[in-house]
Amino acid sequence: MIDFAHECPPRILDSFFVGGHWVRASGSERKKIVSRADRRTLAEVPIATADEIDLAIASAANAFEHGPWPRTHPASAQR
C-alpha cells in the first residue's frame, strides 16, 4: 500500500492569488510549512514584500467596495 502522506514531495509555490488571478512573487524569501505531526515539510511558500501586501489590501478593499459583499446579507455570506 502506498503511503501518500510520505510519498508526495512538498509543494513549492511561487505566486499569490490576488484580485482573482495569480501574481508571481517578486521577493526571494520563502517559508517552509511543516507538519506538526511528523515535522515533514508540506510546502514552501513565498514571503510577500511590502508592495505585494499593499496590492492585496487594495484589491480586497476594491472587491469589498465595488463587489457584492457590502450588499450581501450575512446569512448568504456564510455559504
Protein backbone atom coordinates (compact mmCIF):
# COMPACT_ATOMS: atom_id res chain seq x y z
CA MET A 1 0.00 0.00 0.00
CA ILE A 2 1.28 3.48 -0.89
CA ASP A 3 1.57 5.96 1.97
CA PHE A 4 0.74 9.14 0.05
CA ALA A 5 1.46 11.35 3.05
CA HIS A 6 5.10 10.30 2.94
CA GLU A 7 5.48 9.67 -0.81
CA CYS A 8 4.38 13.11 -2.04
CA PRO A 9 7.07 15.75 -2.30
CA PRO A 10 6.41 19.17 -0.74
CA ARG A 11 4.56 21.71 -2.90
CA ILE A 12 6.69 24.64 -3.96
CA LEU A 13 4.53 27.72 -4.55
CA ASP A 14 5.73 30.87 -6.27
CA SER A 15 2.61 33.04 -6.52
CA PHE A 16 -0.18 34.73 -4.56
CA PHE A 17 -3.87 34.76 -5.53
CA VAL A 18 -4.80 38.46 -5.68
CA GLY A 19 -7.73 40.13 -7.40
CA GLY A 20 -8.97 36.92 -8.97
CA HIS A 21 -5.68 35.84 -10.56
CA TRP A 22 -2.25 34.51 -9.68
CA VAL A 23 0.54 37.07 -9.20
CA ARG A 24 4.11 35.79 -9.22
CA ALA A 25 6.01 36.68 -6.04
CA SER A 26 8.77 39.22 -6.61
CA GLY A 27 10.80 38.56 -3.47
CA SER A 28 13.19 35.69 -2.88
CA GLU A 29 12.32 34.95 0.79
CA ARG A 30 10.44 31.71 1.41
CA LYS A 31 8.80 29.94 4.36
CA LYS A 32 8.56 26.20 4.90
CA ILE A 33 5.19 24.87 6.06
CA VAL A 34 5.92 21.95 8.38
CA SER A 35 3.64 19.19 9.62
CA ARG A 36 3.18 19.34 13.39
CA ALA A 37 2.63 15.58 13.42
CA ASP A 38 5.93 14.45 11.95
CA ARG A 39 7.89 17.64 11.12
CA ARG A 40 7.84 16.90 7.36
CA THR A 41 7.93 19.89 5.03
CA LEU A 42 4.48 20.03 3.39
CA ALA A 43 5.02 23.12 1.27
CA GLU A 44 7.31 26.04 0.66
CA VAL A 45 5.65 29.41 0.09
CA PRO A 46 6.89 32.89 -0.81
CA ILE A 47 7.01 35.68 1.77
CA ALA A 48 5.16 38.74 0.46
CA THR A 49 7.00 42.02 0.01
CA ALA A 50 5.51 45.29 1.25
CA ASP A 51 4.37 46.11 -2.31
CA GLU A 52 2.65 42.72 -2.63
CA ILE A 53 0.87 43.24 0.69
CA ASP A 54 -0.26 46.72 -0.45
CA LEU A 55 -1.57 45.21 -3.71
CA ALA A 56 -3.52 42.53 -1.80
CA ILE A 57 -5.02 45.11 0.57
CA ALA A 58 -6.01 47.42 -2.29
CA SER A 59 -7.54 44.51 -4.18
CA ALA A 60 -9.53 43.38 -1.14
CA ALA A 61 -10.74 46.93 -0.48
CA ASN A 62 -11.81 47.29 -4.11
CA ALA A 63 -13.65 43.96 -4.02
CA PHE A 64 -15.43 44.99 -0.83
CA GLU A 65 -16.37 48.46 -2.05
CA HIS A 66 -17.41 47.50 -5.59
CA GLY A 67 -18.22 43.81 -5.34
CA PRO A 68 -21.31 42.09 -3.92
CA TRP A 69 -20.09 41.90 -0.30
CA PRO A 70 -21.47 45.21 1.05
CA ARG A 71 -24.94 44.23 -0.19
CA THR A 72 -24.79 40.57 0.84
CA HIS A 73 -26.98 39.52 3.75
CA PRO A 74 -24.86 37.86 6.49
CA ALA A 75 -26.80 34.59 6.19
CA SER A 76 -25.93 34.41 2.50
CA ALA A 77 -22.26 35.22 3.12
CA GLN A 78 -21.90 32.17 5.38
CA ARG A 79 -22.44 29.76 2.50
